[in-house]
Amino acid sequence: MTRSAPHAWHGVPTPDGPAVVVGVIPGQSAAVVQEAARLARAMSAGLVCVWSDAARTFVARDPDGTLVTTPLDPDHVDDREDEVAAEVELAAEVERVLEGSDVPWRFVYTVGEASRELARLGQESGAAMIVIGSRRPGLGGWMNHLIGGSTAGHLAHTQPLPVTIVPQEHP
């Protein structure tokens, strides 16, 4: 099992009002987070950057907010260093993208199906909207869409918040 402590807010002041929730994934175009930050700034809102790790499942949440997870694959060796490194690396990438931004933001690591987790965190944070990137270009993005469906489509049909789709930059 792996434990993931909650990440603190960056920037001042910590927002009291609505938030913009943005889905982040490893290797995603920086344009998605940058556009979400631009929208949050225009709305005087905080930015909640969410990575929902679909390869892991929820075990428990400690009173301090620490998330306890385990791999879905029973044959996977739960190497804490690798799991924590992936989370820390993505959080650091988000921090690099938002460096110099005047928008208060925080990184949230969660597990499970992305559209469900984005909708849940949107509701919990009183979000004004959810921002996600379009599917990746090419065969890999098409296959992910074919197998898992569209996160945007799932969100648009299952919860009341507006969904903004940001095109990923094409190479």
C-alpha atoms as a PDB file:
ATOM      1  CA  MET A   1       0.000   0.000   0.000  1.00  0.00           C
ATOM      2  CA  THR A   2       1.071   3.540  -0.712  1.00  0.00           C
ATOM      3  CA  ARG A   3       0.291   6.646   1.301  1.00  0.00           C
ATOM      4  CA  SER A   4      -0.075  10.078  -0.274  1.00  0.00           C
ATOM      5  CA  ALA A   5      -0.296  13.162   1.949  1.00  0.00           C
ATOM      6  CA  PRO A   6      -2.431  16.102   0.792  1.00  0.00           C
ATOM      7  CA  HIS A   7      -0.652  18.930  -1.030  1.00  0.00           C
ATOM      8  CA  ALA A   8      -0.871  22.488   0.307  1.00  0.00           C
ATOM      9  CA  TRP A   9      -2.148  25.549  -1.530  1.00  0.00           C
ATOM     10  CA  HIS A  10       0.436  27.599  -3.418  1.00  0.00           C
ATOM     11  CA  GLY A  11       0.032  31.336  -3.677  1.00  0.00           C
ATOM     12  CA  VAL A  12      -1.717  33.846  -1.513  1.00  0.00           C
ATOM     13  CA  PRO A  13      -4.434  34.207  -0.487  1.00  0.00           C
ATOM     14  CA  THR A  14      -5.893  30.737  -0.153  1.00  0.00           C
ATOM     15  CA  PRO A  15      -9.209  30.973  -1.989  1.00  0.00           C
ATOM     16  CA  ASP A  16     -12.465  30.989  -0.036  1.00  0.00           C
ATOM     17  CA  GLY A  17     -14.741  31.050  -3.050  1.00  0.00           C
ATOM     18  CA  PRO A  18     -15.192  28.884  -6.108  1.00  0.00           C
ATOM     19  CA  ALA A  19     -12.470  26.889  -7.789  1.00  0.00           C
ATOM     20  CA  VAL A  20     -11.638  25.723 -11.255  1.00  0.00           C
ATOM     21  CA  VAL A  21     -10.828  22.012 -11.291  1.00  0.00           C
ATOM     22  CA  VAL A  22      -8.412  20.853 -13.981  1.00  0.00           C
ATOM     23  CA  GLY A  23      -7.519  17.278 -14.835  1.00  0.00           C
ATOM     24  CA  VAL A  24      -3.793  16.667 -15.196  1.00  0.00           C
ATOM     25  CA  ILE A  25      -1.966  13.573 -16.429  1.00  0.00           C
ATOM     26  CA  PRO A  26       1.686  12.749 -17.014  1.00  0.00           C
ATOM     27  CA  GLY A  27       2.873  13.964 -20.414  1.00  0.00           C
ATOM     28  CA  GLN A  28      -0.052  16.334 -20.909  1.00  0.00           C
ATOM     29  CA  SER A  29       0.402  19.588 -22.800  1.00  0.00           C
ATOM     30  CA  ALA A  30       1.151  22.553 -20.526  1.00  0.00           C
ATOM     31  CA  ALA A  31      -1.544  24.456 -22.442  1.00  0.00           C
ATOM     32  CA  VAL A  32      -4.271  22.658 -20.474  1.00  0.00           C
ATOM     33  CA  VAL A  33      -3.070  23.869 -17.061  1.00  0.00           C
ATOM     34  CA  GLN A  34      -2.191  27.324 -18.436  1.00  0.00           C
ATOM     35  CA  GLU A  35      -5.690  27.790 -19.868  1.00  0.00           C
ATOM     36  CA  ALA A  36      -7.277  26.563 -16.635  1.00  0.00           C
ATOM     37  CA  ALA A  37      -5.150  29.092 -14.705  1.00  0.00           C
ATOM     38  CA  ARG A  38      -6.232  31.855 -17.093  1.00  0.00           C
ATOM     39  CA  LEU A  39      -9.888  30.954 -16.513  1.00  0.00           C
ATOM     40  CA  ALA A  40      -9.377  30.779 -12.737  1.00  0.00           C
ATOM     41  CA  ARG A  41      -7.724  34.217 -12.747  1.00  0.00           C
ATOM     42  CA  ALA A  42     -10.606  35.690 -14.772  1.00  0.00           C
ATOM     43  CA  MET A  43     -13.077  34.230 -12.270  1.00  0.00           C
ATOM     44  CA  SER A  44     -11.029  35.220  -9.175  1.00  0.00           C
ATOM     45  CA  ALA A  45     -11.006  31.532  -8.291  1.00  0.00           C
ATOM     46  CA  GLY A  46      -8.462  29.039  -7.044  1.00  0.00           C
ATOM     47  CA  LEU A  47      -7.149  26.254  -9.262  1.00  0.00           C
ATOM     48  CA  VAL A  48      -7.347  22.612  -8.174  1.00  0.00           C
ATOM     49  CA  CYS A  49      -5.070  20.417 -10.335  1.00  0.00           C
ATOM     50  CA  VAL A  50      -6.237  16.791 -10.090  1.00  0.00           C
ATOM     51  CA  TRP A  51      -4.454  13.614 -11.156  1.00  0.00           C
ATOM     52  CA  SER A  52      -6.663  10.555 -10.873  1.00  0.00           C
ATOM     53  CA  ASP A  53      -4.422   7.481 -11.085  1.00  0.00           C
ATOM     54  CA  ALA A  54      -6.532   4.788 -12.754  1.00  0.00           C
ATOM     55  CA  ALA A  55      -3.942   2.069 -12.023  1.00  0.00           C
ATOM     56  CA  ARG A  56      -4.575   2.225  -8.262  1.00  0.00           C
ATOM     57  CA  THR A  57      -7.581   1.841  -5.995  1.00  0.00           C
ATOM     58  CA  PHE A  58      -8.696   3.479  -2.763  1.00  0.00           C
ATOM     59  CA  VAL A  59      -8.020   1.706   0.551  1.00  0.00           C
ATOM     60  CA  ALA A  60      -8.549   4.385   3.210  1.00  0.00           C
ATOM     61  CA  ARG A  61      -8.221   8.065   4.052  1.00  0.00           C
ATOM     62  CA  ASP A  62      -6.465   9.003   7.293  1.00  0.00           C
ATOM     63  CA  PRO A  63      -7.870  11.806   9.497  1.00  0.00           C
ATOM     64  CA  ASP A  64      -5.121  14.165   8.228  1.00  0.00           C
ATOM     65  CA  GLY A  65      -6.264  13.592   4.630  1.00  0.00           C
ATOM     66  CA  THR A  66      -3.523  11.124   3.685  1.00  0.00           C
ATOM     67  CA  LEU A  67      -4.768   8.795   0.946  1.00  0.00           C
ATOM     68  CA  VAL A  68      -3.929   5.085   1.255  1.00  0.00           C
ATOM     69  CA  THR A  69      -3.999   3.204  -2.067  1.00  0.00           C
ATOM     70  CA  THR A  70      -3.030  -0.119  -3.580  1.00  0.00           C
ATOM     71  CA  PRO A  71      -2.443  -1.235  -7.188  1.00  0.00           C
ATOM     72  CA  LEU A  72      -5.371  -2.694  -9.114  1.00  0.00           C
ATOM     73  CA  ASP A  73      -3.049  -5.302 -10.631  1.00  0.00           C
ATOM     74  CA  PRO A  74      -2.556  -8.019  -7.981  1.00  0.00           C
ATOM     75  CA  ASP A  75       0.770  -8.983  -9.580  1.00  0.00           C
ATOM     76  CA  HIS A  76       2.140  -5.462  -9.338  1.00  0.00           C
ATOM     77  CA  VAL A  77       4.822  -5.055  -6.709  1.00  0.00           C
ATOM     78  CA  ASP A  78       3.782  -1.996  -4.727  1.00  0.00           C
ATOM     79  CA  ASP A  79       7.085  -0.120  -4.807  1.00  0.00           C
ATOM     80  CA  ARG A  80       6.453   2.964  -2.715  1.00  0.00           C
ATOM     81  CA  GLU A  81       9.396   4.856  -4.194  1.00  0.00           C
ATOM     82  CA  ASP A  82       8.120   4.482  -7.780  1.00  0.00           C
ATOM     83  CA  GLU A  83       4.549   5.416  -6.862  1.00  0.00           C
ATOM     84  CA  VAL A  84       5.542   8.461  -4.823  1.00  0.00           C
ATOM     85  CA  ALA A  85       8.045   9.508  -7.503  1.00  0.00           C
ATOM     86  CA  ALA A  86       5.303   9.607 -10.168  1.00  0.00           C
ATOM     87  CA  GLU A  87       3.076  11.787  -7.978  1.00  0.00           C
ATOM     88  CA  VAL A  88       5.932  14.086  -6.954  1.00  0.00           C
ATOM     89  CA  GLU A  89       7.118  14.380 -10.565  1.00  0.00           C
ATOM     90  CA  LEU A  90       3.678  15.378 -11.845  1.00  0.00           C
ATOM     91  CA  ALA A  91       3.167  17.848  -8.976  1.00  0.00           C
ATOM     92  CA  ALA A  92       6.573  19.394  -9.788  1.00  0.00           C
ATOM     93  CA  GLU A  93       5.618  19.658 -13.465  1.00  0.00           C
ATOM     94  CA  VAL A  94       2.394  21.479 -12.550  1.00  0.00           C
ATOM     95  CA  GLU A  95       4.433  23.783 -10.310  1.00  0.00           C
ATOM     96  CA  ARG A  96       6.821  24.563 -13.210  1.00  0.00           C
ATOM     97  CA  VAL A  97       3.896  25.339 -15.517  1.00  0.00           C
ATOM     98  CA  LEU A  98       2.298  27.653 -12.927  1.00  0.00           C
ATOM     99  CA  GLU A  99       5.557  29.317 -11.841  1.00  0.00           C
ATOM    100  CA  GLY A 100       5.013  33.066 -11.641  1.00  0.00           C
ATOM    101  CA  SER A 101       1.221  32.686 -11.809  1.00  0.00           C
ATOM    102  CA  ASP A 102      -0.805  34.849  -9.456  1.00  0.00           C
ATOM    103  CA  VAL A 103      -3.540  32.204  -9.192  1.00  0.00           C
ATOM    104  CA  PRO A 104      -3.675  30.239  -5.921  1.00  0.00           C
ATOM    105  CA  TRP A 105      -3.494  26.547  -6.755  1.00  0.00           C
ATOM    106  CA  ARG A 106      -2.984  23.112  -5.299  1.00  0.00           C
ATOM    107  CA  PHE A 107      -2.274  19.628  -6.583  1.00  0.00           C
ATOM    108  CA  VAL A 108      -4.590  16.761  -5.622  1.00  0.00           C
ATOM    109  CA  TYR A 109      -3.672  13.111  -6.104  1.00  0.00           C
ATOM    110  CA  THR A 110      -6.545  10.664  -6.159  1.00  0.00           C
ATOM    111  CA  VAL A 111      -7.284   7.253  -7.626  1.00  0.00           C
ATOM    112  CA  GLY A 112     -10.009   5.794  -9.794  1.00  0.00           C
ATOM    113  CA  GLU A 113     -11.845   6.680 -12.972  1.00  0.00           C
ATOM    114  CA  ALA A 114     -10.989  10.249 -14.006  1.00  0.00           C
ATOM    115  CA  SER A 115     -14.472  11.603 -14.765  1.00  0.00           C
ATOM    116  CA  ARG A 116     -15.865  10.351 -11.441  1.00  0.00           C
ATOM    117  CA  GLU A 117     -12.983  11.806  -9.446  1.00  0.00           C
ATOM    118  CA  LEU A 118     -13.045  15.153 -11.269  1.00  0.00           C
ATOM    119  CA  ALA A 119     -16.802  15.426 -10.685  1.00  0.00           C
ATOM    120  CA  ARG A 120     -16.414  14.461  -7.003  1.00  0.00           C
ATOM    121  CA  LEU A 121     -13.629  16.987  -6.410  1.00  0.00           C
ATOM    122  CA  GLY A 122     -15.573  19.617  -8.334  1.00  0.00           C
ATOM    123  CA  GLN A 123     -18.512  19.148  -6.018  1.00  0.00           C
ATOM    124  CA  GLU A 124     -16.359  19.021  -2.857  1.00  0.00           C
ATOM    125  CA  SER A 125     -14.438  22.185  -3.764  1.00  0.00           C
ATOM    126  CA  GLY A 126     -17.496  24.155  -4.884  1.00  0.00           C
ATOM    127  CA  ALA A 127     -16.023  24.394  -8.369  1.00  0.00           C
ATOM    128  CA  ALA A 128     -17.413  26.741 -10.960  1.00  0.00           C
ATOM    129  CA  MET A 129     -16.184  24.502 -13.799  1.00  0.00           C
ATOM    130  CA  ILE A 130     -14.023  21.553 -14.768  1.00  0.00           C
ATOM    131  CA  VAL A 131     -11.275  21.917 -17.371  1.00  0.00           C
ATOM    132  CA  ILE A 132      -9.751  18.929 -19.169  1.00  0.00           C
ATOM    133  CA  GLY A 133      -7.484  18.386 -22.140  1.00  0.00           C
ATOM    134  CA  SER A 134      -8.691  16.863 -25.361  1.00  0.00           C
ATOM    135  CA  ARG A 135      -7.558  13.349 -26.102  1.00  0.00           C
ATOM    136  CA  ARG A 136      -4.007  12.966 -27.254  1.00  0.00           C
ATOM    137  CA  PRO A 137      -3.490  13.001 -31.000  1.00  0.00           C
ATOM    138  CA  GLY A 138      -2.564   9.841 -32.846  1.00  0.00           C
ATOM    139  CA  LEU A 139      -3.278   6.157 -32.547  1.00  0.00           C
ATOM    140  CA  GLY A 140      -2.607   5.983 -28.786  1.00  0.00           C
ATOM    141  CA  GLY A 141      -5.184   8.682 -28.035  1.00  0.00           C
ATOM    142  CA  TRP A 142      -7.697   7.078 -30.366  1.00  0.00           C
ATOM    143  CA  MET A 143      -7.241   3.666 -28.697  1.00  0.00           C
ATOM    144  CA  ASN A 144      -7.649   5.154 -25.198  1.00  0.00           C
ATOM    145  CA  HIS A 145     -10.849   6.865 -26.354  1.00  0.00           C
ATOM    146  CA  LEU A 146     -12.131   3.673 -27.958  1.00  0.00           C
ATOM    147  CA  ILE A 147     -11.473   1.551 -24.866  1.00  0.00           C
ATOM    148  CA  GLY A 148     -12.256   3.968 -22.046  1.00  0.00           C
ATOM    149  CA  GLY A 149     -14.592   6.424 -23.713  1.00  0.00           C
ATOM    150  CA  SER A 150     -14.415  10.173 -23.507  1.00  0.00           C
ATOM    151  CA  THR A 151     -13.747  11.771 -20.122  1.00  0.00           C
ATOM    152  CA  ALA A 152     -15.406  14.948 -21.409  1.00  0.00           C
ATOM    153  CA  GLY A 153     -18.464  12.984 -22.518  1.00  0.00           C
ATOM    154  CA  HIS A 154     -18.729  11.198 -19.179  1.00  0.00           C
ATOM    155  CA  LEU A 155     -18.425  14.515 -17.321  1.00  0.00           C
ATOM    156  CA  ALA A 156     -20.921  16.339 -19.515  1.00  0.00           C
ATOM    157  CA  HIS A 157     -23.523  13.623 -18.987  1.00  0.00           C
ATOM    158  CA  THR A 158     -23.065  12.874 -15.300  1.00  0.00           C
ATOM    159  CA  GLN A 159     -22.711  16.133 -13.385  1.00  0.00           C
ATOM    160  CA  PRO A 160     -24.039  19.708 -13.498  1.00  0.00           C
ATOM    161  CA  LEU A 161     -20.778  21.690 -13.772  1.00  0.00           C
ATOM    162  CA  PRO A 162     -19.709  23.221 -17.079  1.00  0.00           C
ATOM    163  CA  VAL A 163     -16.869  21.343 -18.782  1.00  0.00           C
ATOM    164  CA  THR A 164     -14.231  23.164 -20.820  1.00  0.00           C
ATOM    165  CA  ILE A 165     -12.083  21.115 -23.190  1.00  0.00           C
ATOM    166  CA  VAL A 166      -8.670  22.541 -24.045  1.00  0.00           C
ATOM    167  CA  PRO A 167      -7.040  21.240 -27.247  1.00  0.00           C
ATOM    168  CA  GLN A 168      -3.695  19.580 -26.636  1.00  0.00           C
ATOM    169  CA  GLU A 169      -0.866  20.969 -28.726  1.00  0.00           C
ATOM    170  CA  HIS A 170      -0.116  18.790 -31.708  1.00  0.00           C
ATOM    171  CA  PRO A 171       3.532  17.970 -32.364  1.00  0.00           C
END
